[in-house]
């Protein structure tokens, strides 16, 4: 990743599997180092600008930039569960 404003190179971690950004894609990075990767101090955010989110994720969707699946209900209160039936 190159920061064009200051002409620096920065190393960033890609969360998830697949879909690497191309050379001139715009990405959004946030601070957050990877403990097992030396000199990596940034993490790219999926689903913002040109960096696509993952598909089919059900858990930790905000990390991977995935929308909630159609028909997926997050939580139903116990007192109203009999009405769904």
N, C-alpha and C. Protein backbone atom coordinates (compact mmCIF):
# COMPACT_ATOMS: atom_id res chain seq x y z
N UNK A 1 0.85 -1.16 0.00
CA UNK A 1 0.00 0.00 0.00
C UNK A 1 0.90 1.23 0.00
N UNK A 2 0.61 2.20 -0.82
CA UNK A 2 1.39 3.43 -0.89
C UNK A 2 0.50 4.59 -0.49
N UNK A 3 1.00 5.42 0.38
CA UNK A 3 0.30 6.63 0.77
C UNK A 3 0.81 7.74 -0.14
N UNK A 4 -0.06 8.23 -1.04
CA UNK A 4 0.38 9.15 -2.08
C UNK A 4 0.61 10.56 -1.56
N UNK A 5 -0.04 10.94 -0.50
CA UNK A 5 0.12 12.30 -0.02
C UNK A 5 1.55 12.53 0.47
N UNK A 6 2.11 11.56 1.14
CA UNK A 6 3.46 11.72 1.66
C UNK A 6 4.47 10.83 0.95
N UNK A 7 4.04 10.10 -0.10
CA UNK A 7 4.90 9.22 -0.89
C UNK A 7 5.62 8.18 -0.03
N UNK A 8 4.90 7.59 0.91
CA UNK A 8 5.46 6.55 1.76
C UNK A 8 4.85 5.20 1.39
N UNK A 9 5.54 4.16 1.73
CA UNK A 9 5.00 2.82 1.60
C UNK A 9 4.59 2.35 2.99
N UNK A 10 3.45 1.67 3.07
CA UNK A 10 2.99 1.15 4.35
C UNK A 10 2.52 -0.29 4.14
N UNK A 11 2.73 -1.11 5.13
CA UNK A 11 2.29 -2.49 5.07
C UNK A 11 0.99 -2.61 5.85
N UNK A 12 0.01 -3.29 5.25
CA UNK A 12 -1.30 -3.42 5.90
C UNK A 12 -1.76 -4.87 5.82
N UNK A 13 -2.56 -5.25 6.81
CA UNK A 13 -3.10 -6.61 6.88
C UNK A 13 -4.45 -6.64 6.18
N UNK A 14 -4.73 -7.75 5.47
CA UNK A 14 -6.00 -7.94 4.78
C UNK A 14 -6.85 -8.92 5.58
N UNK A 15 -7.95 -8.48 6.17
CA UNK A 15 -8.78 -9.42 6.93
C UNK A 15 -9.54 -10.35 6.00
N UNK A 16 -9.68 -11.60 6.38
CA UNK A 16 -10.43 -12.56 5.59
C UNK A 16 -9.59 -13.21 4.51
N UNK A 17 -10.26 -13.93 3.63
CA UNK A 17 -9.59 -14.70 2.59
C UNK A 17 -10.01 -14.17 1.23
N UNK A 18 -9.05 -13.98 0.33
CA UNK A 18 -9.35 -13.65 -1.06
C UNK A 18 -9.54 -12.18 -1.35
N UNK A 19 -9.75 -11.88 -2.62
CA UNK A 19 -10.00 -10.56 -3.21
C UNK A 19 -8.98 -9.51 -2.79
N UNK A 20 -7.79 -9.64 -3.32
CA UNK A 20 -6.74 -8.66 -3.06
C UNK A 20 -7.03 -7.40 -3.86
N UNK A 21 -6.77 -6.24 -3.30
CA UNK A 21 -6.96 -5.01 -4.08
C UNK A 21 -5.86 -4.88 -5.14
N UNK A 22 -6.20 -4.24 -6.25
CA UNK A 22 -5.24 -4.03 -7.33
C UNK A 22 -4.33 -2.86 -7.00
N UNK A 23 -3.46 -2.54 -7.93
CA UNK A 23 -2.43 -1.54 -7.67
C UNK A 23 -3.00 -0.16 -7.39
N UNK A 24 -4.00 0.27 -8.15
CA UNK A 24 -4.51 1.63 -7.99
C UNK A 24 -5.89 1.69 -7.33
N UNK A 25 -6.28 0.65 -6.64
CA UNK A 25 -7.55 0.68 -5.91
C UNK A 25 -7.42 1.56 -4.67
N UNK A 26 -8.51 2.26 -4.36
CA UNK A 26 -8.54 3.04 -3.14
C UNK A 26 -9.00 2.13 -2.00
N UNK A 27 -8.34 2.22 -0.88
CA UNK A 27 -8.70 1.43 0.29
C UNK A 27 -8.68 2.34 1.51
N UNK A 28 -9.37 1.91 2.55
CA UNK A 28 -9.39 2.64 3.81
C UNK A 28 -8.66 1.78 4.83
N UNK A 29 -7.69 2.38 5.51
CA UNK A 29 -6.89 1.65 6.49
C UNK A 29 -7.14 2.24 7.87
N UNK A 30 -7.07 1.38 8.86
CA UNK A 30 -7.18 1.83 10.25
C UNK A 30 -6.02 1.25 11.03
N UNK A 31 -5.71 1.86 12.13
CA UNK A 31 -4.64 1.34 12.98
C UNK A 31 -5.05 0.04 13.62
N UNK A 32 -4.15 -0.83 13.79
CA UNK A 32 -4.42 -2.11 14.40
C UNK A 32 -3.38 -3.10 13.91
N UNK A 33 -2.40 -3.36 14.75
CA UNK A 33 -1.29 -4.18 14.29
C UNK A 33 -1.62 -5.66 14.36
N UNK A 34 -0.91 -6.43 13.57
CA UNK A 34 -1.04 -7.88 13.58
C UNK A 34 0.10 -8.43 14.43
N UNK A 35 -0.24 -9.17 15.47
CA UNK A 35 0.78 -9.63 16.41
C UNK A 35 1.77 -10.61 15.77
N UNK A 36 1.33 -11.38 14.80
CA UNK A 36 2.19 -12.41 14.23
C UNK A 36 2.92 -11.94 12.96
N UNK A 37 2.70 -10.69 12.54
CA UNK A 37 3.36 -10.16 11.34
C UNK A 37 4.22 -8.96 11.72
N UNK A 38 5.53 -9.07 11.62
CA UNK A 38 6.37 -7.93 11.99
C UNK A 38 6.23 -6.78 11.00
N UNK A 39 6.34 -5.58 11.47
CA UNK A 39 6.26 -4.30 10.74
C UNK A 39 4.89 -4.02 10.15
N UNK A 40 3.87 -4.77 10.46
CA UNK A 40 2.52 -4.51 9.96
C UNK A 40 1.74 -3.81 11.05
N UNK A 41 1.37 -2.55 10.80
CA UNK A 41 0.70 -1.75 11.82
C UNK A 41 -0.66 -1.24 11.38
N UNK A 42 -1.09 -1.57 10.17
CA UNK A 42 -2.38 -1.11 9.66
C UNK A 42 -3.23 -2.30 9.25
N UNK A 43 -4.54 -2.10 9.27
CA UNK A 43 -5.49 -3.10 8.82
C UNK A 43 -6.42 -2.45 7.82
N UNK A 44 -6.65 -3.08 6.68
CA UNK A 44 -7.57 -2.54 5.68
C UNK A 44 -9.00 -2.88 6.07
N UNK A 45 -9.92 -1.99 5.72
CA UNK A 45 -11.33 -2.18 6.06
C UNK A 45 -12.05 -2.64 4.80
N UNK A 46 -12.74 -3.77 4.90
CA UNK A 46 -13.46 -4.33 3.77
C UNK A 46 -14.80 -3.63 3.58
N UNK A 47 -15.25 -3.58 2.34
CA UNK A 47 -16.56 -3.01 2.03
C UNK A 47 -16.56 -1.51 1.89
N UNK A 48 -15.40 -0.87 1.89
CA UNK A 48 -15.28 0.58 1.76
C UNK A 48 -14.43 0.88 0.54
N UNK A 49 -14.86 1.85 -0.26
CA UNK A 49 -14.19 2.24 -1.50
C UNK A 49 -14.12 1.04 -2.45
N UNK A 50 -12.92 0.67 -2.91
CA UNK A 50 -12.78 -0.37 -3.93
C UNK A 50 -12.47 -1.74 -3.36
N UNK A 51 -12.38 -1.87 -2.06
CA UNK A 51 -12.03 -3.15 -1.43
C UNK A 51 -13.33 -3.86 -1.04
N UNK A 52 -13.67 -4.91 -1.80
CA UNK A 52 -14.96 -5.57 -1.64
C UNK A 52 -15.04 -6.35 -0.33
N UNK A 53 -16.26 -6.47 0.17
CA UNK A 53 -16.49 -7.26 1.37
C UNK A 53 -16.62 -8.74 1.05
N UNK A 54 -16.64 -9.56 2.07
CA UNK A 54 -16.79 -11.00 1.89
C UNK A 54 -18.27 -11.34 1.79
N UNK A 55 -18.58 -12.44 1.12
CA UNK A 55 -19.95 -12.88 0.97
C UNK A 55 -20.18 -14.12 1.82
N UNK A 56 -21.36 -14.23 2.38
CA UNK A 56 -21.73 -15.43 3.12
C UNK A 56 -21.26 -15.45 4.56
N UNK A 57 -20.76 -14.33 5.09
CA UNK A 57 -20.37 -14.31 6.49
C UNK A 57 -21.60 -14.13 7.35
N UNK A 58 -21.70 -14.86 8.44
CA UNK A 58 -22.81 -14.72 9.37
C UNK A 58 -22.37 -14.08 10.68
N UNK A 59 -21.14 -14.34 11.07
CA UNK A 59 -20.61 -13.77 12.30
C UNK A 59 -19.53 -12.75 11.96
N UNK A 60 -19.38 -11.74 12.82
CA UNK A 60 -18.38 -10.68 12.66
C UNK A 60 -18.51 -9.99 11.31
N UNK A 61 -19.75 -9.68 10.91
CA UNK A 61 -19.99 -9.09 9.60
C UNK A 61 -19.42 -7.69 9.48
N UNK A 62 -19.37 -6.93 10.57
CA UNK A 62 -18.86 -5.57 10.48
C UNK A 62 -17.36 -5.55 10.18
N UNK A 63 -16.64 -6.57 10.60
CA UNK A 63 -15.20 -6.64 10.31
C UNK A 63 -14.97 -6.90 8.83
N UNK A 64 -15.84 -7.72 8.21
CA UNK A 64 -15.62 -8.14 6.83
C UNK A 64 -16.50 -7.40 5.83
N UNK A 65 -17.27 -6.41 6.24
CA UNK A 65 -18.05 -5.60 5.32
C UNK A 65 -19.16 -6.34 4.61
N UNK A 66 -19.87 -7.20 5.33
CA UNK A 66 -20.93 -8.01 4.75
C UNK A 66 -22.28 -7.55 5.27
N UNK A 67 -23.27 -7.46 4.37
CA UNK A 67 -24.62 -7.10 4.78
C UNK A 67 -25.32 -8.31 5.41
N UNK A 68 -26.34 -8.04 6.21
CA UNK A 68 -27.07 -9.14 6.84
C UNK A 68 -27.87 -9.89 5.79
N UNK A 69 -27.92 -11.21 5.92
CA UNK A 69 -28.65 -12.04 4.96
C UNK A 69 -30.14 -11.76 5.03
N UNK A 70 -30.83 -11.91 3.90
CA UNK A 70 -32.27 -11.68 3.87
C UNK A 70 -32.97 -12.74 4.71
N UNK A 71 -33.88 -12.32 5.54
CA UNK A 71 -34.63 -13.25 6.36
C UNK A 71 -33.93 -13.67 7.63
N UNK A 72 -32.72 -13.19 7.85
CA UNK A 72 -32.00 -13.55 9.07
C UNK A 72 -32.47 -12.64 10.21
N UNK A 73 -32.93 -13.25 11.26
CA UNK A 73 -33.40 -12.50 12.41
C UNK A 73 -32.32 -12.55 13.47
N UNK A 74 -31.95 -11.39 13.96
CA UNK A 74 -30.85 -11.32 14.90
C UNK A 74 -31.22 -11.94 16.24
N UNK A 75 -32.33 -11.50 16.82
CA UNK A 75 -32.71 -12.00 18.13
C UNK A 75 -34.20 -11.76 18.33
N UNK A 76 -34.90 -12.73 18.88
CA UNK A 76 -36.30 -12.58 19.22
C UNK A 76 -36.41 -12.76 20.73
N UNK A 77 -37.07 -11.82 21.37
CA UNK A 77 -37.23 -11.93 22.81
C UNK A 77 -37.99 -13.19 23.16
N UNK A 78 -37.65 -13.73 24.30
CA UNK A 78 -38.22 -15.02 24.69
C UNK A 78 -39.73 -14.95 24.82
N UNK A 79 -40.26 -13.84 25.30
CA UNK A 79 -41.71 -13.74 25.49
C UNK A 79 -42.47 -13.69 24.17
N UNK A 80 -41.77 -13.33 23.06
CA UNK A 80 -42.45 -13.24 21.76
C UNK A 80 -42.13 -14.40 20.82
N UNK A 81 -41.38 -15.37 21.27
CA UNK A 81 -40.99 -16.48 20.40
C UNK A 81 -42.19 -17.35 20.01
N UNK A 82 -43.20 -17.43 20.84
CA UNK A 82 -44.34 -18.28 20.50
C UNK A 82 -45.17 -17.67 19.37
N UNK A 83 -45.06 -16.36 19.13
CA UNK A 83 -45.82 -15.72 18.08
C UNK A 83 -45.25 -16.01 16.69
N UNK A 84 -43.96 -16.31 16.61
CA UNK A 84 -43.33 -16.57 15.31
C UNK A 84 -43.88 -17.86 14.67
N UNK A 85 -44.07 -18.88 15.50
CA UNK A 85 -44.54 -20.19 15.17
C UNK A 85 -45.13 -20.49 13.91
